[in-house]
Amino acid sequence: MSIFSTAQSLQLPFLGGKPAAGGATAFDASQRALVERVNGYLTNITMLAGDFVQVGPNGVKTEGKFYLQKPGKVRFEYNPPSPVELIADGTSVVVRDRKLATQDLYPLGQTPLRFLLADRIDLLTETNVVGVFADDLFVTVVIEEKQTFGGTHRLMMMFGARDAQLRQWTVTDPQGYDTTVAVYNLENPKKLDPNLFKINYERMLQ
């Protein structure tokens, strides 16, 4: 299973503002300032690499390495025994199973994590932000998508309160099941191998 798959609900907190007229969510000045800080962090990232831990179906934990290059490119390599690789090439996302020699293709624009891969992002105007929260450890932003893969998904992104650095995210599917990914040992490489982000479209046609 991949970062777009879901597990049993982890009962993570959902913290939001107050609904405004017309169904929008109203945020105060401090909440808007938090989102602007996150916008700046996400926009300033050009390349990122590190390790990740994913809590997947039924609490199963998998680990691996990831590589991100904006706009639109990311690769998640899962450690054995998991046979999974996830690759986005700027247009599409493929979930590849090395053991079964299969791969599933999705449009990048229909995946919840496209916000992390956008060249520039303004979360308050370009997404449906439904929650903003901060404590001593994290700044948390919750986004709701009503048409992603045919249902309502939520994406909860958590950033360090002091450095605004990405720490983890949780994708909640329409059934309420969560997949949580935490990232660490983050680096900002000056260059990444372009082959990391190549998708074999010929395999999809066979």
Protein backbone atom coordinates (compact mmCIF):
# COMPACT_ATOMS: atom_id res chain seq x y z
CA MET A 1 0.00 0.00 0.00
CA SER A 2 1.20 3.54 -0.71
CA ILE A 3 0.99 7.00 0.76
CA PHE A 4 -2.36 7.37 -1.03
CA SER A 5 -3.73 4.19 0.56
CA THR A 6 -5.49 4.26 3.87
CA ALA A 7 -5.41 2.45 7.18
CA GLN A 8 -7.70 2.14 10.15
CA SER A 9 -8.47 5.55 11.62
CA LEU A 10 -5.76 6.89 13.95
CA GLN A 11 -8.23 9.33 15.52
CA LEU A 12 -5.96 12.28 14.83
CA PRO A 13 -7.36 15.64 16.00
CA PHE A 14 -9.30 17.75 13.54
CA LEU A 15 -8.94 21.39 14.47
CA GLY A 16 -10.60 24.11 12.43
CA GLY A 17 -11.87 27.64 12.34
CA LYS A 18 -15.48 28.72 12.46
CA PRO A 19 -17.69 28.21 9.38
CA ALA A 20 -18.39 31.50 7.63
CA ALA A 21 -21.32 32.48 5.48
CA GLY A 22 -21.58 30.41 2.34
CA GLY A 23 -19.85 27.40 3.87
CA ALA A 24 -16.31 28.84 3.80
CA THR A 25 -14.08 28.68 6.85
CA ALA A 26 -13.14 31.93 8.57
CA PHE A 27 -9.69 32.26 10.12
CA ASP A 28 -8.34 34.99 12.37
CA ALA A 29 -5.19 37.00 11.69
CA SER A 30 -2.92 34.64 13.61
CA GLN A 31 -4.23 31.60 11.71
CA ARG A 32 -3.77 33.38 8.39
CA ALA A 33 -0.22 34.28 9.40
CA LEU A 34 0.47 30.61 10.11
CA VAL A 35 -0.80 29.62 6.67
CA GLU A 36 1.32 32.33 5.03
CA ARG A 37 4.36 30.92 6.81
CA VAL A 38 3.55 27.46 5.46
CA ASN A 39 3.01 28.93 1.99
CA GLY A 40 6.46 30.49 2.13
CA TYR A 41 8.10 27.25 3.22
CA LEU A 42 6.41 25.16 0.53
CA THR A 43 7.13 27.73 -2.18
CA ASN A 44 10.81 28.03 -1.25
CA ILE A 45 11.44 24.28 -1.46
CA THR A 46 13.02 23.30 -4.76
CA MET A 47 14.56 19.95 -3.85
CA LEU A 48 14.17 17.80 -0.77
CA ALA A 49 15.36 14.34 0.24
CA GLY A 50 15.16 12.27 3.39
CA ASP A 51 13.76 9.24 5.16
CA PHE A 52 10.14 8.45 5.87
CA VAL A 53 8.04 6.20 8.09
CA GLN A 54 4.52 5.34 6.97
CA VAL A 55 1.74 3.96 9.15
CA GLY A 56 -0.42 2.06 6.72
CA PRO A 57 -3.27 -0.47 6.80
CA ASN A 58 -4.11 -1.82 10.24
CA GLY A 59 -1.20 0.07 11.78
CA VAL A 60 1.45 -1.67 9.67
CA LYS A 61 4.62 0.43 9.53
CA THR A 62 6.89 0.72 6.49
CA GLU A 63 9.99 2.83 5.96
CA GLY A 64 12.11 4.10 3.12
CA LYS A 65 13.64 7.09 1.38
CA PHE A 66 12.06 9.87 -0.65
CA TYR A 67 13.26 12.42 -3.18
CA LEU A 68 11.32 15.54 -4.17
CA GLN A 69 11.97 18.02 -6.94
CA LYS A 70 9.55 20.80 -7.76
CA PRO A 71 7.46 21.26 -9.66
CA GLY A 72 5.62 17.98 -9.56
CA LYS A 73 8.29 15.32 -9.04
CA VAL A 74 8.67 12.91 -6.16
CA ARG A 75 9.85 9.36 -5.55
CA PHE A 76 9.17 7.14 -2.53
CA GLU A 77 11.32 4.01 -2.27
CA TYR A 78 10.00 1.55 0.31
CA ASN A 79 12.51 -0.66 2.13
CA PRO A 80 12.22 -4.46 1.71
CA PRO A 81 10.17 -6.52 2.15
CA SER A 82 7.77 -3.92 0.69
CA PRO A 83 7.94 -4.09 -3.13
CA VAL A 84 6.36 -0.66 -3.63
CA GLU A 85 7.70 2.43 -5.36
CA LEU A 86 5.74 5.63 -5.89
CA ILE A 87 6.89 8.05 -8.59
CA ALA A 88 5.50 11.37 -9.82
CA ASP A 89 7.04 12.83 -12.98
CA GLY A 90 5.31 16.21 -13.02
CA THR A 91 2.22 14.99 -14.87
CA SER A 92 1.29 11.58 -13.48
CA VAL A 93 1.76 9.47 -10.38
CA VAL A 94 2.50 5.76 -10.63
CA VAL A 95 2.38 3.21 -7.81
CA ARG A 96 4.66 0.37 -8.86
CA ASP A 97 4.79 -3.12 -7.34
CA ARG A 98 8.18 -4.63 -8.18
CA LYS A 99 7.17 -8.09 -6.98
CA LEU A 100 4.00 -8.32 -9.07
CA ALA A 101 5.46 -6.25 -11.93
CA THR A 102 2.38 -4.02 -11.95
CA GLN A 103 1.86 -0.28 -11.80
CA ASP A 104 -1.21 1.90 -11.31
CA LEU A 105 -1.29 5.34 -12.92
CA TYR A 106 -3.09 8.44 -11.62
CA PRO A 107 -3.18 12.09 -12.79
CA LEU A 108 -0.98 14.16 -10.50
CA GLY A 109 -3.67 16.83 -10.25
CA GLN A 110 -6.03 14.32 -8.61
CA THR A 111 -3.70 13.26 -5.81
CA PRO A 112 -3.91 14.82 -2.34
CA LEU A 113 -0.18 15.59 -2.12
CA ARG A 114 -0.01 17.76 -5.21
CA PHE A 115 0.09 20.72 -2.82
CA LEU A 116 3.57 19.66 -1.69
CA LEU A 117 4.75 19.50 -5.29
CA ALA A 118 3.39 22.78 -6.65
CA ASP A 119 5.97 25.34 -7.76
CA ARG A 120 4.13 28.07 -5.88
CA ILE A 121 1.16 27.65 -3.59
CA ASP A 122 -1.35 29.86 -1.76
CA LEU A 123 -3.29 27.42 0.36
CA LEU A 124 -6.05 29.82 1.39
CA THR A 125 -6.97 30.78 -2.18
CA GLU A 126 -6.07 27.62 -4.12
CA THR A 127 -7.32 24.93 -1.73
CA ASN A 128 -10.16 24.34 0.71
CA VAL A 129 -8.43 24.89 4.06
CA VAL A 130 -10.75 23.76 6.84
CA GLY A 131 -8.40 23.76 9.83
CA VAL A 132 -5.40 25.73 11.12
CA PHE A 133 -3.80 25.04 14.51
CA ALA A 134 -0.52 25.66 16.32
CA ASP A 135 1.03 24.50 19.57
CA ASP A 136 4.59 24.44 20.94
CA LEU A 137 5.62 21.64 18.56
CA PHE A 138 3.62 21.85 15.34
CA VAL A 139 1.75 24.07 12.94
CA THR A 140 -1.07 22.02 11.42
CA VAL A 141 -3.03 22.80 8.27
CA VAL A 142 -6.01 20.66 7.22
CA ILE A 143 -7.25 20.66 3.61
CA GLU A 144 -10.43 19.01 2.38
CA GLU A 145 -10.87 17.82 -1.20
CA LYS A 146 -14.34 16.77 -2.31
CA GLN A 147 -13.58 15.38 -5.76
CA THR A 148 -10.29 13.54 -5.33
CA PHE A 149 -10.69 9.95 -6.60
CA GLY A 150 -14.49 10.18 -6.39
CA GLY A 151 -14.93 11.17 -2.76
CA THR A 152 -13.94 13.52 0.03
CA HIS A 153 -10.33 13.29 1.16
CA ARG A 154 -8.63 15.25 3.91
CA LEU A 155 -4.96 16.10 3.99
CA MET A 156 -3.48 17.15 7.32
CA MET A 157 0.02 18.59 7.02
CA MET A 158 2.17 19.21 10.10
CA PHE A 159 5.19 21.53 10.21
CA GLY A 160 7.70 22.32 12.94
CA ALA A 161 6.53 25.25 15.05
CA ARG A 162 10.02 26.76 15.22
CA ASP A 163 11.44 26.12 11.75
CA ALA A 164 8.23 25.53 9.72
CA GLN A 165 9.89 22.42 8.27
CA LEU A 166 7.64 19.62 7.05
CA ARG A 167 7.28 16.88 9.66
CA GLN A 168 4.39 14.65 8.60
CA TRP A 169 1.08 14.41 6.80
CA THR A 170 -2.04 12.29 7.08
CA VAL A 171 -4.36 11.45 4.18
CA THR A 172 -7.90 10.48 5.21
CA ASP A 173 -10.00 8.73 2.58
CA PRO A 174 -13.81 8.99 2.10
CA GLN A 175 -14.33 6.03 4.47
CA GLY A 176 -12.40 7.80 7.25
CA TYR A 177 -9.28 5.63 7.08
CA ASP A 178 -5.89 7.27 7.57
CA THR A 179 -2.40 6.88 6.16
CA THR A 180 0.24 8.86 8.02
CA VAL A 181 3.74 9.60 6.73
CA ALA A 182 6.43 11.18 8.91
CA VAL A 183 9.64 12.50 7.32
CA TYR A 184 13.05 13.07 8.92
CA ASN A 185 16.75 13.47 8.14
CA LEU A 186 15.71 16.09 5.60
CA GLU A 187 18.28 17.51 3.20
CA ASN A 188 18.16 20.13 0.44
CA PRO A 189 20.32 18.65 -2.33
CA LYS A 190 21.54 20.90 -5.14
CA LYS A 191 20.87 18.24 -7.76
CA LEU A 192 18.91 14.99 -8.10
CA ASP A 193 19.20 12.30 -10.77
CA PRO A 194 16.43 12.90 -13.36
CA ASN A 195 16.05 9.12 -13.71
CA LEU A 196 14.55 9.01 -10.21
CA PHE A 197 11.35 10.51 -11.59
CA LYS A 198 10.92 8.59 -14.85
CA ILE A 199 7.72 6.60 -15.44
CA ASN A 200 7.66 3.74 -17.95
CA TYR A 201 4.46 4.56 -19.84
CA GLU A 202 5.06 1.72 -22.31
CA ARG A 203 4.33 -0.75 -19.54
CA MET A 204 0.92 0.85 -19.09
CA LEU A 205 0.08 0.09 -22.73
CA GLN A 206 0.98 -3.58 -22.60
